[in-house]
N, C-alpha and C. Protein backbone atom coordinates (compact mmCIF):
# COMPACT_ATOMS: atom_id res chain seq x y z
N MET A 1 -3.63 64.29 0.64
CA MET A 1 -4.47 64.56 -0.50
C MET A 1 -5.89 64.85 -0.01
N PRO A 2 -6.40 66.05 -0.28
CA PRO A 2 -7.78 66.37 0.09
C PRO A 2 -8.78 65.61 -0.78
N VAL A 3 -9.83 65.12 -0.15
CA VAL A 3 -10.93 64.47 -0.86
C VAL A 3 -12.19 65.28 -0.55
N ILE A 4 -12.83 65.78 -1.58
CA ILE A 4 -14.02 66.62 -1.43
C ILE A 4 -15.18 65.90 -2.10
N THR A 5 -16.28 65.75 -1.37
CA THR A 5 -17.46 65.07 -1.90
C THR A 5 -18.57 66.07 -2.13
N TYR A 6 -19.16 66.03 -3.32
CA TYR A 6 -20.29 66.88 -3.68
C TYR A 6 -21.47 65.96 -3.94
N ASN A 7 -22.61 66.24 -3.31
CA ASN A 7 -23.76 65.35 -3.36
C ASN A 7 -24.99 66.01 -3.98
N PRO A 8 -25.07 66.05 -5.30
CA PRO A 8 -26.28 66.60 -5.96
C PRO A 8 -27.36 65.52 -6.09
N LEU A 9 -28.54 65.98 -6.47
CA LEU A 9 -29.60 65.01 -6.78
C LEU A 9 -29.24 64.25 -8.06
N GLU A 10 -29.61 63.02 -8.10
CA GLU A 10 -29.37 62.17 -9.26
C GLU A 10 -29.99 62.79 -10.51
N GLY A 11 -29.20 62.90 -11.58
CA GLY A 11 -29.67 63.41 -12.85
C GLY A 11 -29.77 64.93 -12.95
N ALA A 12 -29.38 65.64 -11.90
CA ALA A 12 -29.52 67.10 -11.89
C ALA A 12 -28.45 67.80 -12.73
N LEU A 13 -27.33 67.13 -12.94
CA LEU A 13 -26.21 67.76 -13.64
C LEU A 13 -25.84 67.02 -14.92
N THR A 14 -25.44 67.80 -15.92
CA THR A 14 -24.90 67.20 -17.14
C THR A 14 -23.44 66.85 -16.90
N VAL A 15 -22.86 66.10 -17.80
CA VAL A 15 -21.44 65.77 -17.72
C VAL A 15 -20.60 67.05 -17.72
N GLU A 16 -21.01 68.01 -18.55
CA GLU A 16 -20.28 69.27 -18.63
C GLU A 16 -20.36 70.04 -17.31
N GLN A 17 -21.53 70.04 -16.68
CA GLN A 17 -21.67 70.72 -15.39
C GLN A 17 -20.84 70.04 -14.31
N LYS A 18 -20.80 68.72 -14.33
CA LYS A 18 -19.98 68.00 -13.36
C LYS A 18 -18.51 68.37 -13.52
N GLU A 19 -18.04 68.42 -14.75
CA GLU A 19 -16.65 68.79 -15.01
C GLU A 19 -16.38 70.22 -14.54
N ALA A 20 -17.33 71.13 -14.78
CA ALA A 20 -17.17 72.52 -14.34
C ALA A 20 -17.12 72.61 -12.81
N ILE A 21 -17.94 71.83 -12.13
CA ILE A 21 -17.92 71.81 -10.66
C ILE A 21 -16.59 71.28 -10.16
N ILE A 22 -16.11 70.21 -10.74
CA ILE A 22 -14.81 69.64 -10.34
C ILE A 22 -13.71 70.68 -10.51
N GLN A 23 -13.65 71.32 -11.68
CA GLN A 23 -12.61 72.31 -11.92
C GLN A 23 -12.76 73.52 -11.00
N GLY A 24 -13.99 73.94 -10.73
CA GLY A 24 -14.23 75.07 -9.83
C GLY A 24 -13.79 74.77 -8.41
N ILE A 25 -14.10 73.58 -7.92
CA ILE A 25 -13.68 73.19 -6.58
C ILE A 25 -12.16 73.14 -6.49
N LYS A 26 -11.53 72.54 -7.50
CA LYS A 26 -10.07 72.47 -7.49
C LYS A 26 -9.44 73.86 -7.54
N LYS A 27 -10.07 74.79 -8.27
CA LYS A 27 -9.56 76.16 -8.34
C LYS A 27 -9.63 76.83 -6.98
N VAL A 28 -10.76 76.69 -6.30
CA VAL A 28 -10.92 77.30 -4.98
C VAL A 28 -9.88 76.74 -4.00
N VAL A 29 -9.70 75.43 -4.01
CA VAL A 29 -8.71 74.82 -3.13
C VAL A 29 -7.32 75.36 -3.46
N GLY A 30 -7.01 75.46 -4.74
CA GLY A 30 -5.71 76.00 -5.15
C GLY A 30 -5.54 77.44 -4.72
N ASP A 31 -6.58 78.25 -4.87
CA ASP A 31 -6.52 79.66 -4.47
C ASP A 31 -6.29 79.81 -2.97
N VAL A 32 -6.90 78.94 -2.19
CA VAL A 32 -6.81 79.04 -0.73
C VAL A 32 -5.58 78.33 -0.17
N ALA A 33 -5.34 77.11 -0.63
CA ALA A 33 -4.29 76.28 -0.04
C ALA A 33 -3.00 76.22 -0.85
N GLY A 34 -3.04 76.67 -2.09
CA GLY A 34 -1.84 76.66 -2.92
C GLY A 34 -1.86 75.59 -4.00
N GLU A 35 -1.07 75.83 -5.02
CA GLU A 35 -1.02 74.92 -6.18
C GLU A 35 -0.55 73.52 -5.81
N LYS A 36 0.36 73.41 -4.86
CA LYS A 36 0.87 72.08 -4.48
C LYS A 36 -0.27 71.19 -3.96
N ILE A 37 -1.14 71.76 -3.14
CA ILE A 37 -2.29 71.00 -2.62
C ILE A 37 -3.30 70.74 -3.73
N LYS A 38 -3.53 71.74 -4.59
CA LYS A 38 -4.51 71.62 -5.67
C LYS A 38 -4.24 70.40 -6.55
N LYS A 39 -2.97 70.10 -6.79
CA LYS A 39 -2.61 68.98 -7.67
C LYS A 39 -3.07 67.63 -7.11
N GLY A 40 -3.24 67.54 -5.79
CA GLY A 40 -3.62 66.28 -5.17
C GLY A 40 -5.09 66.17 -4.81
N VAL A 41 -5.89 67.17 -5.18
CA VAL A 41 -7.31 67.18 -4.81
C VAL A 41 -8.09 66.13 -5.59
N TRP A 42 -8.91 65.38 -4.88
CA TRP A 42 -9.85 64.46 -5.50
C TRP A 42 -11.24 65.01 -5.24
N VAL A 43 -12.08 65.08 -6.26
CA VAL A 43 -13.46 65.52 -6.11
C VAL A 43 -14.35 64.34 -6.49
N ILE A 44 -15.20 63.96 -5.56
CA ILE A 44 -16.13 62.85 -5.80
C ILE A 44 -17.54 63.42 -5.91
N ILE A 45 -18.19 63.14 -7.02
CA ILE A 45 -19.59 63.54 -7.19
C ILE A 45 -20.43 62.31 -6.94
N ASN A 46 -21.20 62.36 -5.87
CA ASN A 46 -22.00 61.22 -5.42
C ASN A 46 -23.48 61.58 -5.59
N GLU A 47 -24.05 61.19 -6.71
CA GLU A 47 -25.45 61.53 -6.97
C GLU A 47 -26.38 60.68 -6.10
N SER A 48 -27.36 61.32 -5.51
CA SER A 48 -28.31 60.63 -4.64
C SER A 48 -29.73 60.77 -5.19
N PRO A 49 -30.51 59.69 -5.11
CA PRO A 49 -31.91 59.80 -5.51
C PRO A 49 -32.63 60.78 -4.60
N GLU A 50 -33.60 61.49 -5.14
CA GLU A 50 -34.36 62.44 -4.34
C GLU A 50 -35.04 61.71 -3.19
N GLY A 51 -35.01 62.34 -2.02
CA GLY A 51 -35.65 61.75 -0.85
C GLY A 51 -34.71 60.98 0.04
N TYR A 52 -33.43 60.89 -0.32
CA TYR A 52 -32.49 60.11 0.47
C TYR A 52 -31.59 60.95 1.36
N PHE A 53 -31.92 62.24 1.54
CA PHE A 53 -31.16 63.07 2.46
C PHE A 53 -32.03 64.25 2.88
N ALA A 54 -31.60 64.93 3.94
CA ALA A 54 -32.35 66.07 4.45
C ALA A 54 -31.40 67.21 4.78
N LYS A 55 -31.94 68.43 4.84
CA LYS A 55 -31.14 69.58 5.23
C LYS A 55 -30.87 69.53 6.73
N ARG A 56 -29.71 70.05 7.10
CA ARG A 56 -29.39 70.15 8.52
C ARG A 56 -30.16 71.35 9.07
N VAL A 57 -30.81 71.18 10.18
CA VAL A 57 -31.61 72.27 10.75
C VAL A 57 -30.96 72.89 11.97
N ALA A 58 -29.99 72.24 12.56
CA ALA A 58 -29.31 72.78 13.73
C ALA A 58 -27.87 72.31 13.73
N SER A 59 -27.01 73.13 14.29
CA SER A 59 -25.61 72.77 14.36
C SER A 59 -25.08 73.02 15.77
N LYS A 60 -24.27 72.11 16.25
CA LYS A 60 -23.62 72.30 17.53
C LYS A 60 -22.18 72.75 17.32
N SER A 61 -21.83 73.02 16.09
CA SER A 61 -20.47 73.43 15.75
C SER A 61 -20.23 74.87 16.19
N ALA A 62 -19.00 75.16 16.60
CA ALA A 62 -18.62 76.53 16.95
C ALA A 62 -18.32 77.34 15.68
N LEU A 63 -18.17 76.66 14.56
CA LEU A 63 -17.86 77.34 13.30
C LEU A 63 -19.14 77.83 12.64
N PRO A 64 -19.07 78.99 11.99
CA PRO A 64 -20.26 79.48 11.28
C PRO A 64 -20.60 78.56 10.10
N ILE A 65 -21.86 78.44 9.82
CA ILE A 65 -22.31 77.58 8.72
C ILE A 65 -22.62 78.43 7.52
């Protein structure tokens, strides 16, 4: 079962926007990995207070960002 975490700023999204994000993420996973995988997707929205995270400025990954 895939678990996908989305981390917006606290209070930035309405309940309706959160639901739309969840459905959109599940749709993308279904389009790419198939309906069987889509049924098991969990999407966690973890709201963070502003100032508790930073942008990544460098990557050592071989994958494009």
